[in-house]
Amino acid sequence: MKKTLVILATVGLVAVGCERRDTVREGAGADQQIEQQRDAQVEQLERQQEQVEQQADAQQRSIEAQADAKQAQLDAQQEQVRAEAEAQRAQLEAQQAQQEVQQEAQAVRQEAAGAAAPSDQQLEQSVRQSLLGDQQQQQPQPAGAVAPNVTIQVSGGTVTLTGTVQSEQQKQDMEQKAKAIQGVQQVENNLEVQEQ
């Protein structure tokens, strides 16, 4: 019986030892499973982090592209404004230069006209000569008289004819002859036709 007890005790110990091994194996399997789950979660978190980083990079590139496009648009607008201002400045300078040239030309014309313009007395003599021709030498007339009833006055290049003539044709002829004299600016024809 002792042998039986020893055998039973040995079998009991073997059974307890086996149970312990199974428990250790089960504990090791659980640890391995926990480690696998942890690794899977870490891997999933790393993938999510990578996706978030990729999205952030894509958004940043998009924002930078939009900012670059806006800057390019602003640069283009500034260049357009600058070009328009330059064109307006050039146009203004051209207009000013044209005005200066016109003013200088006018001044030269006025100087030339002033230098070449005969005096009122010279104009009066020229008009008298043109209106009377040879008659003036044949019949002396009072000062200012061109014909027996016609007088001329000159002031500032304006010739004024006064008196009476025999016909409308004679009145028009005298005005045309006076206008044809160089230096005459204007003719005031106050001649009256005297009916006979």
Protein backbone atom coordinates (compact mmCIF):
# COMPACT_ATOMS: atom_id res chain seq x y z
CA MET A 1 0.00 0.00 0.00
CA LYS A 2 2.84 2.23 0.56
CA LYS A 3 3.70 1.69 -2.96
CA THR A 4 0.27 2.58 -3.98
CA LEU A 5 0.38 5.70 -1.95
CA VAL A 6 3.68 6.63 -3.41
CA ILE A 7 2.33 5.96 -6.85
CA LEU A 8 -0.76 7.98 -6.12
CA ALA A 9 1.34 10.76 -4.72
CA THR A 10 3.57 10.65 -7.73
CA VAL A 11 0.62 10.70 -10.08
CA GLY A 12 -0.82 13.60 -8.10
CA LEU A 13 2.41 15.50 -8.32
CA VAL A 14 2.69 14.83 -12.00
CA ALA A 15 -0.87 16.01 -12.48
CA VAL A 16 -0.22 19.18 -10.48
CA GLY A 17 2.97 19.77 -12.41
CA CYS A 18 1.14 19.36 -15.68
CA GLU A 19 -1.50 21.79 -14.61
CA ARG A 20 1.17 24.28 -13.71
CA ARG A 21 2.78 23.89 -17.11
CA ASP A 22 -0.56 24.37 -18.77
CA THR A 23 -1.16 27.51 -16.72
CA VAL A 24 2.29 28.80 -17.57
CA ARG A 25 1.65 28.00 -21.21
CA GLU A 26 -1.72 29.69 -21.06
CA GLY A 27 -0.14 32.74 -19.39
CA ALA A 28 2.58 32.85 -22.03
CA GLY A 29 -0.04 32.59 -24.81
CA ALA A 30 -2.04 35.41 -23.25
CA ASP A 31 1.08 37.58 -23.03
CA GLN A 32 1.85 36.85 -26.65
CA GLN A 33 -1.71 37.71 -27.66
CA ILE A 34 -1.57 40.96 -25.69
CA GLU A 35 1.73 41.79 -27.32
CA GLN A 36 0.29 41.10 -30.78
CA GLN A 37 -2.74 43.31 -30.04
CA ARG A 38 -0.45 46.04 -28.77
CA ASP A 39 1.71 45.77 -31.91
CA ALA A 40 -1.40 45.89 -34.10
CA GLN A 41 -2.65 48.99 -32.27
CA VAL A 42 0.75 50.67 -32.53
CA GLU A 43 0.85 49.85 -36.24
CA GLN A 44 -2.68 51.23 -36.72
CA LEU A 45 -1.79 54.42 -34.81
CA GLU A 46 1.35 54.85 -36.90
CA ARG A 47 -0.72 54.51 -40.12
CA GLN A 48 -3.23 57.07 -38.80
CA GLN A 49 -0.41 59.42 -37.84
CA GLU A 50 1.11 59.03 -41.32
CA GLN A 51 -2.28 59.79 -42.94
CA VAL A 52 -2.72 62.87 -40.75
CA GLU A 53 0.79 64.05 -41.67
CA GLN A 54 0.09 63.47 -45.37
CA GLN A 55 -3.18 65.42 -45.13
CA ALA A 56 -1.41 68.22 -43.27
CA ASP A 57 1.32 68.31 -45.94
CA ALA A 58 -1.29 68.36 -48.71
CA GLN A 59 -3.17 71.20 -47.01
CA GLN A 60 0.04 73.13 -46.49
CA ARG A 61 0.99 72.71 -50.18
CA SER A 62 -2.50 73.82 -51.18
CA ILE A 63 -2.31 76.89 -48.93
CA GLU A 64 1.16 77.72 -50.26
CA ALA A 65 -0.05 77.30 -53.85
CA GLN A 66 -3.00 79.61 -53.15
CA ALA A 67 -0.71 82.14 -51.50
CA ASP A 68 1.68 81.97 -54.46
CA ALA A 69 -1.23 82.46 -56.88
CA LYS A 70 -2.49 85.46 -54.89
CA GLN A 71 1.00 86.94 -54.78
CA ALA A 72 1.39 86.44 -58.53
CA GLN A 73 -1.98 88.12 -59.08
CA LEU A 74 -0.98 91.05 -56.85
CA ASP A 75 2.36 91.33 -58.65
CA ALA A 76 0.57 91.36 -62.01
CA GLN A 77 -1.85 94.04 -60.81
CA GLN A 78 1.02 96.15 -59.46
CA GLU A 79 2.85 95.81 -62.76
CA GLN A 80 -0.29 96.81 -64.66
CA VAL A 81 -0.80 99.87 -62.44
CA ARG A 82 2.88 100.74 -62.83
CA ALA A 83 2.65 100.37 -66.63
CA GLU A 84 -0.52 102.48 -66.79
CA ALA A 85 1.08 105.18 -64.65
CA GLU A 86 4.16 105.15 -66.88
CA ALA A 87 1.98 105.41 -69.99
CA GLN A 88 0.05 108.34 -68.50
CA ARG A 89 3.28 110.04 -67.50
CA ALA A 90 4.69 109.57 -71.00
CA GLN A 91 1.48 110.90 -72.55
CA LEU A 92 1.53 113.91 -70.22
CA GLU A 93 5.18 114.59 -71.07
CA ALA A 94 4.36 114.33 -74.78
CA GLN A 95 1.46 116.77 -74.39
CA GLN A 96 3.65 119.18 -72.43
CA ALA A 97 6.38 118.94 -75.06
CA GLN A 98 3.82 119.56 -77.79
CA GLN A 99 2.46 122.59 -75.93
CA GLU A 100 5.98 123.95 -75.46
CA VAL A 101 6.72 123.51 -79.16
CA GLN A 102 3.45 125.23 -80.06
CA GLN A 103 4.19 128.08 -77.66
CA GLU A 104 7.69 128.48 -79.03
CA ALA A 105 6.37 128.41 -82.60
CA GLN A 106 3.74 131.01 -81.70
CA ALA A 107 6.39 133.19 -80.08
CA VAL A 108 8.59 132.90 -83.18
CA ARG A 109 5.62 133.74 -85.42
CA GLN A 110 4.75 136.72 -83.25
CA GLU A 111 8.34 137.92 -83.26
CA ALA A 112 8.50 137.49 -87.02
CA ALA A 113 5.17 139.23 -87.46
CA GLY A 114 6.26 141.99 -85.10
CA ALA A 115 9.53 142.45 -86.91
CA ALA A 116 7.94 142.23 -90.33
CA ALA A 117 4.72 144.04 -89.50
CA PRO A 118 4.68 147.52 -90.95
CA SER A 119 3.77 150.46 -88.76
CA ASP A 120 0.27 151.92 -88.94
CA GLN A 121 1.67 154.86 -90.90
CA GLN A 122 3.31 152.53 -93.43
CA LEU A 123 0.07 150.56 -93.73
CA GLU A 124 -1.90 153.73 -94.34
CA GLN A 125 0.47 154.74 -97.14
CA SER A 126 0.27 151.28 -98.70
CA VAL A 127 -3.55 151.25 -98.55
CA ARG A 128 -3.72 154.77 -99.97
CA GLN A 129 -1.39 153.76 -102.84
CA SER A 130 -3.46 150.66 -103.54
CA LEU A 131 -6.82 152.46 -103.51
CA LEU A 132 -5.80 155.52 -105.53
CA GLY A 133 -2.95 154.26 -107.62
CA ASP A 134 -1.83 157.09 -109.93
CA GLN A 135 -4.73 159.41 -109.00
CA GLN A 136 -2.98 160.40 -105.77
CA GLN A 137 -0.11 161.98 -107.66
CA GLN A 138 -2.44 163.89 -109.98
CA GLN A 139 -4.76 165.34 -107.34
CA PRO A 140 -3.40 166.15 -103.90
CA GLN A 141 -5.90 165.20 -101.13
CA PRO A 142 -6.25 166.35 -97.55
CA ALA A 143 -4.47 164.21 -94.91
CA GLY A 144 -6.25 160.86 -94.53
CA ALA A 145 -8.39 161.37 -97.63
CA VAL A 146 -8.11 158.73 -100.32
CA ALA A 147 -10.67 160.02 -102.72
CA PRO A 148 -12.68 163.22 -102.50
CA ASN A 149 -15.12 161.63 -100.03
CA VAL A 150 -13.11 158.65 -98.61
CA THR A 151 -10.68 158.64 -95.68
CA ILE A 152 -8.65 155.86 -94.13
CA GLN A 153 -7.43 155.34 -90.59
CA VAL A 154 -5.11 152.57 -89.41
CA SER A 155 -4.77 151.44 -85.80
CA GLY A 156 -3.02 148.22 -84.72
CA GLY A 157 -3.25 146.74 -88.22
CA THR A 158 -6.99 147.48 -88.53
CA VAL A 159 -7.93 149.68 -91.50
CA THR A 160 -11.12 151.74 -91.21
CA LEU A 161 -12.61 153.13 -94.43
CA THR A 162 -15.15 155.96 -94.04
CA GLY A 163 -16.90 158.29 -96.43
CA THR A 164 -19.07 157.90 -99.51
CA VAL A 165 -18.59 156.09 -102.81
CA GLN A 166 -20.62 156.02 -106.01
CA SER A 167 -21.54 152.29 -106.08
CA GLU A 168 -21.65 149.08 -104.08
CA GLN A 169 -19.02 147.67 -106.45
CA GLN A 170 -16.65 150.55 -105.68
CA LYS A 171 -17.21 149.96 -101.93
CA GLN A 172 -16.38 146.22 -102.27
CA ASP A 173 -13.35 146.90 -104.50
CA MET A 174 -11.86 149.30 -101.94
CA GLU A 175 -12.37 146.78 -99.12
CA GLN A 176 -10.73 143.97 -101.14
CA LYS A 177 -7.77 146.15 -102.11
CA ALA A 178 -7.25 147.14 -98.45
CA LYS A 179 -7.42 143.49 -97.29
CA ALA A 180 -4.82 142.50 -99.89
CA ILE A 181 -2.14 144.74 -98.33
CA GLN A 182 0.43 142.74 -96.32
CA GLY A 183 0.19 143.56 -92.60
CA VAL A 184 -3.52 144.47 -92.65
CA GLN A 185 -5.23 142.37 -89.98
CA GLN A 186 -8.79 143.55 -90.48
CA VAL A 187 -10.81 146.02 -92.56
CA GLU A 188 -13.79 147.88 -91.18
CA ASN A 189 -15.72 149.09 -94.21
CA ASN A 190 -17.88 152.04 -93.13
CA LEU A 191 -18.22 153.39 -96.68
CA GLU A 192 -21.68 154.42 -97.75
CA VAL A 193 -23.01 154.32 -101.28
CA GLN A 194 -24.20 157.78 -102.33
CA GLU A 195 -26.99 157.67 -104.83
CA GLN A 196 -26.84 160.27 -107.54
